[in-house]
Each structure stands twice: as structure tokens, then as C-alpha cells.
Amino acid sequence: MKYTFHIVDVFSSTPFGGNQLAVLPSAEGISTEGMQKIAREFNFGETAFVLPKNDPNTYRVRIFSPLRAARSMGRPDRDRNYGKKMSRQTSVMFNTTDGTRR
């Protein structure tokens, strides 16, 4: 199976600097086990899986480390900024297993 993904450099204004984050912007249909395998394959600190929206301003995101699913976002500012770029909006809410973040 083929999935679209982006590798984002966070905590850096320099390309190929900072920490890498893998983002799969269309993760609908990927099982929890599949997400874990993909995160293990990237082997970054975090891999984000963007699921279908519940409403136009809310992204549902599951975050995985190579070893386990994360209960919440480790870097909410980074994730929020990525969401703004994805949606071209000034305000984005993320719904995670640990609650909704603005």
C-alpha cells in the first residue's frame, strides 16, 4: 500500500535541521497496528497520522513513537503550526486521545 507523507523539520529554520517529524495527512483506513508499524519504520521521535475531520476546524491526529501510541501531542505548538499550514487558517483545533488542543 502507498501513503502520502511529509517529513517536517521542527525546532529549526534551517532545512534538514532540528527534529524530524513524519506526517501522514490522509491516514483514513490505516489500522492502529499499521500506524505503529509505519512509525517504527520512520523511527523518528513522533509520527503524526491525520484522520478525517469531524468539522471544518478540527483535525483528528494520532501520534505514535516507534514504540507506542502517544496519549497527547508532545509538541502542540509545532503540531498546531503544521495544521495551520495544512488548512490555511489562523486557528486550528486538534482532537487527540488526550483531549482537544487549540
PDB file of N, CA and C in Angstrom:
ATOM      1  N   MET A   1       0.836  -1.180   0.000  1.00  0.00           N
ATOM      2  CA  MET A   1       0.000   0.000   0.000  1.00  0.00           C
ATOM      3  C   MET A   1       0.878   1.238   0.000  1.00  0.00           C
ATOM      4  N   LYS A   2       0.428   2.298  -0.676  1.00  0.00           N
ATOM      5  CA  LYS A   2       1.183   3.547  -0.745  1.00  0.00           C
ATOM      6  C   LYS A   2       0.463   4.631   0.043  1.00  0.00           C
ATOM      7  N   TYR A   3       1.230   5.413   0.819  1.00  0.00           N
ATOM      8  CA  TYR A   3       0.684   6.504   1.604  1.00  0.00           C
ATOM      9  C   TYR A   3       1.483   7.764   1.341  1.00  0.00           C
ATOM     10  N   THR A   4       0.796   8.886   1.246  1.00  0.00           N
ATOM     11  CA  THR A   4       1.466  10.181   1.137  1.00  0.00           C
ATOM     12  C   THR A   4       1.981  10.560   2.514  1.00  0.00           C
ATOM     13  N   PHE A   5       3.204  11.077   2.573  1.00  0.00           N
ATOM     14  CA  PHE A   5       3.737  11.539   3.850  1.00  0.00           C
ATOM     15  C   PHE A   5       4.621  12.750   3.611  1.00  0.00           C
ATOM     16  N   HIS A   6       4.806  13.518   4.681  1.00  0.00           N
ATOM     17  CA  HIS A   6       5.700  14.674   4.677  1.00  0.00           C
ATOM     18  C   HIS A   6       6.667  14.502   5.825  1.00  0.00           C
ATOM     19  N   ILE A   7       7.902  14.877   5.592  1.00  0.00           N
ATOM     20  CA  ILE A   7       8.885  14.919   6.667  1.00  0.00           C
ATOM     21  C   ILE A   7       9.115  16.394   6.966  1.00  0.00           C
ATOM     22  N   VAL A   8       8.825  16.769   8.200  1.00  0.00           N
ATOM     23  CA  VAL A   8       8.872  18.161   8.611  1.00  0.00           C
ATOM     24  C   VAL A   8      10.034  18.345   9.577  1.00  0.00           C
ATOM     25  N   ASP A   9      10.822  19.390   9.358  1.00  0.00           N
ATOM     26  CA  ASP A   9      11.890  19.742  10.290  1.00  0.00           C
ATOM     27  C   ASP A   9      11.307  20.696  11.324  1.00  0.00           C
ATOM     28  N   VAL A  10      11.315  20.311  12.579  1.00  0.00           N
ATOM     29  CA  VAL A  10      10.754  21.153  13.634  1.00  0.00           C
ATOM     30  C   VAL A  10      11.871  21.684  14.523  1.00  0.00           C
ATOM     31  N   PHE A  11      11.602  22.811  15.159  1.00  0.00           N
ATOM     32  CA  PHE A  11      12.575  23.482  16.029  1.00  0.00           C
ATOM     33  C   PHE A  11      13.799  23.943  15.254  1.00  0.00           C
ATOM     34  N   SER A  12      13.597  24.313  13.983  1.00  0.00           N
ATOM     35  CA  SER A  12      14.714  24.792  13.182  1.00  0.00           C
ATOM     36  C   SER A  12      14.181  25.620  12.029  1.00  0.00           C
ATOM     37  N   SER A  13      14.892  26.661  11.675  1.00  0.00           N
ATOM     38  CA  SER A  13      14.543  27.433  10.476  1.00  0.00           C
ATOM     39  C   SER A  13      15.430  27.012   9.308  1.00  0.00           C
ATOM     40  N   THR A  14      16.286  26.035   9.545  1.00  0.00           N
ATOM     41  CA  THR A  14      17.207  25.540   8.532  1.00  0.00           C
ATOM     42  C   THR A  14      16.715  24.211   7.980  1.00  0.00           C
ATOM     43  N   PRO A  15      16.621  24.092   6.647  1.00  0.00           N
ATOM     44  CA  PRO A  15      16.242  22.784   6.087  1.00  0.00           C
ATOM     45  C   PRO A  15      17.211  21.699   6.552  1.00  0.00           C
ATOM     46  N   PHE A  16      16.671  20.546   6.855  1.00  0.00           N
ATOM     47  CA  PHE A  16      17.427  19.384   7.310  1.00  0.00           C
ATOM     48  C   PHE A  16      18.070  19.621   8.680  1.00  0.00           C
ATOM     49  N   GLY A  17      17.502  20.547   9.450  1.00  0.00           N
ATOM     50  CA  GLY A  17      17.960  20.796  10.811  1.00  0.00           C
ATOM     51  C   GLY A  17      16.837  20.484  11.779  1.00  0.00           C
ATOM     52  N   GLY A  18      17.109  20.563  13.054  1.00  0.00           N
ATOM     53  CA  GLY A  18      16.064  20.324  14.050  1.00  0.00           C
ATOM     54  C   GLY A  18      15.680  18.863  14.152  1.00  0.00           C
ATOM     55  N   ASN A  19      14.477  18.625  14.628  1.00  0.00           N
ATOM     56  CA  ASN A  19      13.963  17.265  14.790  1.00  0.00           C
ATOM     57  C   ASN A  19      13.033  16.926  13.633  1.00  0.00           C
ATOM     58  N   GLN A  20      13.096  15.702  13.179  1.00  0.00           N
ATOM     59  CA  GLN A  20      12.232  15.273  12.091  1.00  0.00           C
ATOM     60  C   GLN A  20      10.912  14.759  12.648  1.00  0.00           C
ATOM     61  N   LEU A  21       9.840  15.074  11.934  1.00  0.00           N
ATOM     62  CA  LEU A  21       8.509  14.592  12.255  1.00  0.00           C
ATOM     63  C   LEU A  21       7.906  14.076  10.959  1.00  0.00           C
ATOM     64  N   ALA A  22       7.424  12.856  10.962  1.00  0.00           N
ATOM     65  CA  ALA A  22       6.713  12.326   9.797  1.00  0.00           C
ATOM     66  C   ALA A  22       5.229  12.608   9.983  1.00  0.00           C
ATOM     67  N   VAL A  23       4.577  13.100   8.927  1.00  0.00           N
ATOM     68  CA  VAL A  23       3.151  13.391   8.964  1.00  0.00           C
ATOM     69  C   VAL A  23       2.491  12.694   7.788  1.00  0.00           C
ATOM     70  N   LEU A  24       1.487  11.890   8.065  1.00  0.00           N
ATOM     71  CA  LEU A  24       0.675  11.271   7.025  1.00  0.00           C
ATOM     72  C   LEU A  24      -0.643  12.020   7.006  1.00  0.00           C
ATOM     73  N   PRO A  25      -0.859  12.920   6.019  1.00  0.00           N
ATOM     74  CA  PRO A  25      -2.023  13.801   6.035  1.00  0.00           C
ATOM     75  C   PRO A  25      -3.350  13.121   5.721  1.00  0.00           C
ATOM     76  N   SER A  26      -3.317  11.912   5.204  1.00  0.00           N
ATOM     77  CA  SER A  26      -4.556  11.188   4.864  1.00  0.00           C
ATOM     78  C   SER A  26      -4.463   9.772   5.403  1.00  0.00           C
ATOM     79  N   ALA A  27      -4.660   9.619   6.711  1.00  0.00           N
ATOM     80  CA  ALA A  27      -4.446   8.324   7.361  1.00  0.00           C
ATOM     81  C   ALA A  27      -5.722   7.503   7.510  1.00  0.00           C
ATOM     82  N   GLU A  28      -6.799   7.925   6.874  1.00  0.00           N
ATOM     83  CA  GLU A  28      -8.049   7.175   6.969  1.00  0.00           C
ATOM     84  C   GLU A  28      -7.838   5.752   6.469  1.00  0.00           C
ATOM     85  N   GLY A  29      -8.310   4.794   7.249  1.00  0.00           N
ATOM     86  CA  GLY A  29      -8.210   3.397   6.850  1.00  0.00           C
ATOM     87  C   GLY A  29      -6.969   2.671   7.334  1.00  0.00           C
ATOM     88  N   ILE A  30      -6.024   3.399   7.936  1.00  0.00           N
ATOM     89  CA  ILE A  30      -4.836   2.745   8.480  1.00  0.00           C
ATOM     90  C   ILE A  30      -5.171   2.275   9.899  1.00  0.00           C
ATOM     91  N   SER A  31      -4.989   0.999  10.162  1.00  0.00           N
ATOM     92  CA  SER A  31      -5.289   0.453  11.492  1.00  0.00           C
ATOM     93  C   SER A  31      -4.273   0.962  12.517  1.00  0.00           C
ATOM     94  N   THR A  32      -4.608   0.810  13.780  1.00  0.00           N
ATOM     95  CA  THR A  32      -3.681   1.164  14.850  1.00  0.00           C
ATOM     96  C   THR A  32      -2.380   0.381  14.692  1.00  0.00           C
ATOM     97  N   GLU A  33      -2.498  -0.901  14.405  1.00  0.00           N
ATOM     98  CA  GLU A  33      -1.303  -1.726  14.190  1.00  0.00           C
ATOM     99  C   GLU A  33      -0.497  -1.214  12.998  1.00  0.00           C
ATOM    100  N   GLY A  34      -1.173  -0.824  11.941  1.00  0.00           N
ATOM    101  CA  GLY A  34      -0.491  -0.280  10.764  1.00  0.00           C
ATOM    102  C   GLY A  34       0.217   1.022  11.086  1.00  0.00           C
ATOM    103  N   MET A  35      -0.432   1.897  11.858  1.00  0.00           N
ATOM    104  CA  MET A  35       0.195   3.161  12.258  1.00  0.00           C
ATOM    105  C   MET A  35       1.451   2.891  13.059  1.00  0.00           C
ATOM    106  N   GLN A  36       1.378   1.923  13.962  1.00  0.00           N
ATOM    107  CA  GLN A  36       2.552   1.598  14.778  1.00  0.00           C
ATOM    108  C   GLN A  36       3.689   1.085  13.912  1.00  0.00           C
ATOM    109  N   LYS A  37       3.387   0.242  12.950  1.00  0.00           N
ATOM    110  CA  LYS A  37       4.424  -0.285  12.050  1.00  0.00           C
ATOM    111  C   LYS A  37       5.053   0.824  11.222  1.00  0.00           C
ATOM    112  N   ILE A  38       4.224   1.762  10.742  1.00  0.00           N
ATOM    113  CA  ILE A  38       4.749   2.881   9.956  1.00  0.00           C
ATOM    114  C   ILE A  38       5.643   3.759  10.827  1.00  0.00           C
ATOM    115  N   ALA A  39       5.204   4.053  12.057  1.00  0.00           N
ATOM    116  CA  ALA A  39       6.017   4.867  12.972  1.00  0.00           C
ATOM    117  C   ALA A  39       7.347   4.181  13.265  1.00  0.00           C
ATOM    118  N   ARG A  40       7.311   2.872  13.440  1.00  0.00           N
ATOM    119  CA  ARG A  40       8.539   2.119  13.694  1.00  0.00           C
ATOM    120  C   ARG A  40       9.466   2.192  12.475  1.00  0.00           C
ATOM    121  N   GLU A  41       8.891   2.157  11.290  1.00  0.00           N
ATOM    122  CA  GLU A  41       9.694   2.234  10.061  1.00  0.00           C
ATOM    123  C   GLU A  41      10.373   3.598   9.921  1.00  0.00           C
ATOM    124  N   PHE A  42       9.644   4.695  10.207  1.00  0.00           N
ATOM    125  CA  PHE A  42      10.261   6.026  10.159  1.00  0.00           C
ATOM    126  C   PHE A  42      11.316   6.160  11.246  1.00  0.00           C
ATOM    127  N   ASN A  43      11.029   5.637  12.433  1.00  0.00           N
ATOM    128  CA  ASN A  43      11.943   5.675  13.578  1.00  0.00           C
ATOM    129  C   ASN A  43      12.297   7.106  14.006  1.00  0.00           C
ATOM    130  N   PHE A  44      11.354   8.039  13.830  1.00  0.00           N
ATOM    131  CA  PHE A  44      11.507   9.398  14.342  1.00  0.00           C
ATOM    132  C   PHE A  44      10.909   9.426  15.747  1.00  0.00           C
ATOM    133  N   GLY A  45      11.146  10.505  16.473  1.00  0.00           N
ATOM    134  CA  GLY A  45      10.568  10.638  17.803  1.00  0.00           C
ATOM    135  C   GLY A  45       9.051  10.543  17.776  1.00  0.00           C
ATOM    136  N   GLU A  46       8.434  11.095  16.719  1.00  0.00           N
ATOM    137  CA  GLU A  46       6.985  11.057  16.582  1.00  0.00           C
ATOM    138  C   GLU A  46       6.594  10.959  15.116  1.00  0.00           C
ATOM    139  N   THR A  47       5.496  10.268  14.870  1.00  0.00           N
ATOM    140  CA  THR A  47       4.862  10.219  13.557  1.00  0.00           C
ATOM    141  C   THR A  47       3.408  10.572  13.768  1.00  0.00           C
ATOM    142  N   ALA A  48       2.901  11.528  12.987  1.00  0.00           N
ATOM    143  CA  ALA A  48       1.525  12.012  13.138  1.00  0.00           C
ATOM    144  C   ALA A  48       0.659  11.487  11.998  1.00  0.00           C
ATOM    145  N   PHE A  49      -0.506  10.982  12.351  1.00  0.00           N
ATOM    146  CA  PHE A  49      -1.466  10.450  11.381  1.00  0.00           C
ATOM    147  C   PHE A  49      -2.713  11.321  11.443  1.00  0.00           C
ATOM    148  N   VAL A  50      -3.012  12.031  10.361  1.00  0.00           N
ATOM    149  CA  VAL A  50      -4.157  12.939  10.308  1.00  0.00           C
ATOM    150  C   VAL A  50      -5.358  12.167   9.777  1.00  0.00           C
ATOM    151  N   LEU A  51      -6.416  12.161  10.573  1.00  0.00           N
ATOM    152  CA  LEU A  51      -7.648  11.437  10.244  1.00  0.00           C
ATOM    153  C   LEU A  51      -8.708  12.418   9.750  1.00  0.00           C
ATOM    154  N   PRO A  52      -9.794  11.911   9.160  1.00  0.00           N
ATOM    155  CA  PRO A  52     -10.846  12.815   8.653  1.00  0.00           C
ATOM    156  C   PRO A  52     -11.356  13.750   9.740  1.00  0.00           C
ATOM    157  N   LYS A  53     -11.686  14.958   9.329  1.00  0.00           N
ATOM    158  CA  LYS A  53     -12.191  15.983  10.248  1.00  0.00           C
ATOM    159  C   LYS A  53     -13.600  15.654  10.719  1.00  0.00           C
ATOM    160  N   ASN A  54     -13.887  16.054  11.959  1.00  0.00           N
ATOM    161  CA  ASN A  54     -15.259  15.997  12.463  1.00  0.00           C
ATOM    162  C   ASN A  54     -16.036  17.227  12.020  1.00  0.00           C
ATOM    163  N   ASP A  55     -15.326  18.355  11.894  1.00  0.00           N
ATOM    164  CA  ASP A  55     -15.898  19.603  11.400  1.00  0.00           C
ATOM    165  C   ASP A  55     -14.769  20.362  10.702  1.00  0.00           C
ATOM    166  N   PRO A  56     -15.078  21.448   9.989  1.00  0.00           N
ATOM    167  CA  PRO A  56     -14.049  22.123   9.172  1.00  0.00           C
ATOM    168  C   PRO A  56     -12.839  22.645   9.939  1.00  0.00           C
ATOM    169  N   ASN A  57     -12.951  22.862  11.252  1.00  0.00           N
ATOM    170  CA  ASN A  57     -11.854  23.454  12.019  1.00  0.00           C
ATOM    171  C   ASN A  57     -11.158  22.498  12.969  1.00  0.00           C
ATOM    172  N   THR A  58     -11.450  21.218  12.886  1.00  0.00           N
ATOM    173  CA  THR A  58     -10.870  20.261  13.825  1.00  0.00           C
ATOM    174  C   THR A  58     -10.188  19.127  13.082  1.00  0.00           C
ATOM    175  N   TYR A  59      -8.906  18.954  13.325  1.00  0.00           N
ATOM    176  CA  TYR A  59      -8.165  17.814  12.795  1.00  0.00           C
ATOM    177  C   TYR A  59      -8.088  16.747  13.867  1.00  0.00           C
ATOM    178  N   ARG A  60      -8.315  15.525  13.490  1.00  0.00           N
ATOM    179  CA  ARG A  60      -8.100  14.413  14.415  1.00  0.00           C
ATOM    180  C   ARG A  60      -6.729  13.844  14.082  1.00  0.00           C
ATOM    181  N   VAL A  61      -5.875  13.761  15.092  1.00  0.00           N
ATOM    182  CA  VAL A  61      -4.492  13.345  14.875  1.00  0.00           C
ATOM    183  C   VAL A  61      -4.130  12.254  15.874  1.00  0.00           C
ATOM    184  N   ARG A  62      -3.526  11.203  15.383  1.00  0.00           N
ATOM    185  CA  ARG A  62      -2.961  10.179  16.272  1.00  0.00           C
ATOM    186  C   ARG A  62      -1.454  10.281  16.150  1.00  0.00           C
ATOM    187  N   ILE A  63      -0.779  10.266  17.281  1.00  0.00           N
ATOM    188  CA  ILE A  63       0.669  10.425  17.339  1.00  0.00           C
ATOM    189  C   ILE A  63       1.268   9.115  17.861  1.00  0.00           C
ATOM    190  N   PHE A  64       2.303   8.643  17.171  1.00  0.00           N
ATOM    191  CA  PHE A  64       2.990   7.417  17.585  1.00  0.00           C
ATOM    192  C   PHE A  64       4.482   7.658  17.654  1.00  0.00           C
ATOM    193  N   SER A  65       5.114   7.077  18.669  1.00  0.00           N
ATOM    194  CA  SER A  65       6.569   6.964  18.702  1.00  0.00           C
ATOM    195  C   SER A  65       6.891   5.612  18.059  1.00  0.00           C
ATOM    196  N   PRO A  66       8.157   5.297  17.882  1.00  0.00           N
ATOM    197  CA  PRO A  66       8.465   3.967  17.337  1.00  0.00           C
ATOM    198  C   PRO A  66       7.987   2.819  18.230  1.00  0.00           C
ATOM    199  N   LEU A  67       7.739   3.091  19.515  1.00  0.00           N
ATOM    200  CA  LEU A  67       7.380   2.027  20.445  1.00  0.00           C
ATOM    201  C   LEU A  67       5.904   1.969  20.831  1.00  0.00           C
ATOM    202  N   ARG A  68       5.197   3.123  20.795  1.00  0.00           N
ATOM    203  CA  ARG A  68       3.810   3.123  21.289  1.00  0.00           C
ATOM    204  C   ARG A  68       3.065   4.358  20.804  1.00  0.00           C
ATOM    205  N   ALA A  69       1.737   4.297  20.943  1.00  0.00           N
ATOM    206  CA  ALA A  69       0.896   5.460  20.659  1.00  0.00           C
ATOM    207  C   ALA A  69       1.060   6.474  21.782  1.00  0.00           C
ATOM    208  N   ALA A  70       1.080   7.738  21.432  1.00  0.00           N
ATOM    209  CA  ALA A  70       1.175   8.801  22.427  1.00  0.00           C
ATOM    210  C   ALA A  70      -0.228   9.225  22.837  1.00  0.00           C
ATOM    211  N   ARG A  71      -0.427   9.511  24.120  1.00  0.00           N
ATOM    212  CA  ARG A  71      -1.747   9.948  24.595  1.00  0.00           C
ATOM    213  C   ARG A  71      -2.039  11.365  24.163  1.00  0.00           C
ATOM    214  N   SER A  72      -1.017  12.205  24.030  1.00  0.00           N
ATOM    215  CA  SER A  72      -1.234  13.593  23.611  1.00  0.00           C
ATOM    216  C   SER A  72      -0.063  14.020  22.756  1.00  0.00           C
ATOM    217  N   MET A  73      -0.162  15.212  22.247  1.00  0.00           N
ATOM    218  CA  MET A  73       0.905  15.726  21.389  1.00  0.00           C
ATOM    219  C   MET A  73       2.070  16.178  22.238  1.00  0.00           C
ATOM    220  N   GLY A  74       3.246  15.755  21.870  1.00  0.00           N
ATOM    221  CA  GLY A  74       4.430  16.152  22.609  1.00  0.00           C
ATOM    222  C   GLY A  74       4.814  17.595  22.356  1.00  0.00           C
ATOM    223  N   ARG A  75       4.475  18.112  21.203  1.00  0.00           N
ATOM    224  CA  ARG A  75       4.865  19.468  20.830  1.00  0.00           C
ATOM    225  C   ARG A  75       3.659  20.176  20.216  1.00  0.00           C
ATOM    226  N   PRO A  76       2.708  20.612  21.039  1.00  0.00           N
ATOM    227  CA  PRO A  76       1.470  21.157  20.499  1.00  0.00           C
ATOM    228  C   PRO A  76       1.660  22.388  19.618  1.00  0.00           C
ATOM    229  N   ASP A  77       2.621  23.249  19.931  1.00  0.00           N
ATOM    230  CA  ASP A  77       2.826  24.437  19.096  1.00  0.00           C
ATOM    231  C   ASP A  77       3.253  24.046  17.691  1.00  0.00           C
ATOM    232  N   ARG A  78       4.151  23.086  17.595  1.00  0.00           N
ATOM    233  CA  ARG A  78       4.611  22.618  16.303  1.00  0.00           C
ATOM    234  C   ARG A  78       3.474  21.997  15.512  1.00  0.00           C
ATOM    235  N   ASP A  79       2.701  21.162  16.178  1.00  0.00           N
ATOM    236  CA  ASP A  79       1.599  20.486  15.502  1.00  0.00           C
ATOM    237  C   ASP A  79       0.527  21.475  15.077  1.00  0.00           C
ATOM    238  N   ARG A  80       0.252  22.460  15.915  1.00  0.00           N
ATOM    239  CA  ARG A  80      -0.738  23.480  15.584  1.00  0.00           C
ATOM    240  C   ARG A  80      -0.280  24.277  14.363  1.00  0.00           C
ATOM    241  N   ASN A  81       1.004  24.649  14.326  1.00  0.00           N
ATOM    242  CA  ASN A  81       1.511  25.408  13.189  1.00  0.00           C
ATOM    243  C   ASN A  81       1.456  24.596  11.907  1.00  0.00           C
ATOM    244  N   TYR A  82       1.739  23.310  11.992  1.00  0.00           N
ATOM    245  CA  TYR A  82       1.631  22.467  10.811  1.00  0.00           C
ATOM    246  C   TYR A  82       0.176  22.397  10.344  1.00  0.00           C
ATOM    247  N   GLY A  83      -0.734  22.300  11.290  1.00  0.00           N
ATOM    248  CA  GLY A  83      -2.160  22.272  10.948  1.00  0.00           C
ATOM    249  C   GLY A  83      -2.605  23.550  10.270  1.00  0.00           C
ATOM    250  N   LYS A  84      -2.099  24.679  10.729  1.00  0.00           N
ATOM    251  CA  LYS A  84      -2.453  25.952  10.093  1.00  0.00           C
ATOM    252  C   LYS A  84      -1.981  25.973   8.643  1.00  0.00           C
ATOM    253  N   LYS A  85      -0.792  25.471   8.407  1.00  0.00           N
ATOM    254  CA  LYS A  85      -0.288  25.418   7.035  1.00  0.00           C
ATOM    255  C   LYS A  85      -1.144  24.491   6.183  1.00  0.00           C
ATOM    256  N   MET A  86      -1.565  23.371   6.767  1.00  0.00           N
ATOM    257  CA  MET A  86      -2.392  22.422   6.024  1.00  0.00           C
ATOM    258  C   MET A  86      -3.733  23.036   5.647  1.00  0.00           C
ATOM    259  N   SER A  87      -4.307  23.814   6.540  1.00  0.00           N
ATOM    260  CA  SER A  87      -5.669  24.289   6.340  1.00  0.00           C
ATOM    261  C   SER A  87      -5.741  25.725   5.839  1.00  0.00           C
ATOM    262  N   ARG A  88      -4.611  26.438   5.887  1.00  0.00           N
ATOM    263  CA  ARG A  88      -4.578  27.851   5.522  1.00  0.00           C
ATOM    264  C   ARG A  88      -5.530  28.679   6.398  1.00  0.00           C
ATOM    265  N   GLN A  89      -5.646  28.311   7.640  1.00  0.00           N
ATOM    266  CA  GLN A  89      -6.488  29.016   8.600  1.00  0.00           C
ATOM    267  C   GLN A  89      -5.619  29.585   9.701  1.00  0.00           C
ATOM    268  N   THR A  90      -6.177  30.531  10.450  1.00  0.00           N
ATOM    269  CA  THR A  90      -5.436  31.117  11.557  1.00  0.00           C
ATOM    270  C   THR A  90      -5.672  30.386  12.862  1.00  0.00           C
ATOM    271  N   SER A  91      -6.692  29.547  12.929  1.00  0.00           N
ATOM    272  CA  SER A  91      -6.999  28.813  14.145  1.00  0.00           C
ATOM    273  C   SER A  91      -7.327  27.371  13.790  1.00  0.00           C
ATOM    274  N   VAL A  92      -6.671  26.454  14.466  1.00  0.00           N
ATOM    275  CA  VAL A  92      -6.893  25.032  14.221  1.00  0.00           C
ATOM    276  C   VAL A  92      -6.983  24.328  15.554  1.00  0.00           C
ATOM    277  N   MET A  93      -7.938  23.411  15.701  1.00  0.00           N
ATOM    278  CA  MET A  93      -8.031  22.578  16.894  1.00  0.00           C
ATOM    279  C   MET A  93      -7.667  21.152  16.513  1.00  0.00           C
ATOM    280  N   PHE A  94      -6.926  20.479  17.374  1.00  0.00           N
ATOM    281  CA  PHE A  94      -6.585  19.083  17.187  1.00  0.00           C
ATOM    282  C   PHE A  94      -7.304  18.266  18.231  1.00  0.00           C
ATOM    283  N   ASN A  95      -7.905  17.184  17.814  1.00  0.00           N
ATOM    284  CA  ASN A  95      -8.578  16.285  18.733  1.00  0.00           C
ATOM    285  C   ASN A  95      -7.712  15.036  18.854  1.00  0.00           C
ATOM    286  N   THR A  96      -7.139  14.823  20.041  1.00  0.00           N
ATOM    287  CA  THR A  96      -6.289  13.659  20.292  1.00  0.00           C
ATOM    288  C   THR A  96      -6.953  12.790  21.342  1.00  0.00           C
ATOM    289  N   THR A  97      -6.371  11.667  21.623  1.00  0.00           N
ATOM    290  CA  THR A  97      -6.930  10.787  22.654  1.00  0.00           C
ATOM    291  C   THR A  97      -6.852  11.423  24.031  1.00  0.00           C
ATOM    292  N   ASP A  98      -6.032  12.467  24.166  1.00  0.00           N
ATOM    293  CA  ASP A  98      -5.872  13.156  25.439  1.00  0.00           C
ATOM    294  C   ASP A  98      -6.696  14.438  25.501  1.00  0.00           C
ATOM    295  N   GLY A  99      -7.585  14.636  24.546  1.00  0.00           N
ATOM    296  CA  GLY A  99      -8.449  15.822  24.554  1.00  0.00           C
ATOM    297  C   GLY A  99      -8.187  16.718  23.365  1.00  0.00           C
ATOM    298  N   THR A 100      -8.919  17.833  23.321  1.00  0.00           N
ATOM    299  CA  THR A 100      -8.811  18.782  22.215  1.00  0.00           C
ATOM    300  C   THR A 100      -7.821  19.865  22.580  1.00  0.00           C
ATOM    301  N   ARG A 101      -6.960  20.184  21.617  1.00  0.00           N
ATOM    302  CA  ARG A 101      -5.948  21.237  21.810  1.00  0.00           C
ATOM    303  C   ARG A 101      -6.166  22.325  20.769  1.00  0.00           C
ATOM    304  N   ARG A 102      -6.011  23.573  21.178  1.00  0.00           N
ATOM    305  CA  ARG A 102      -6.093  24.704  20.235  1.00  0.00           C
ATOM    306  C   ARG A 102      -4.708  25.160  19.869  1.00  0.00           C
TER     307      ARG A 102
END
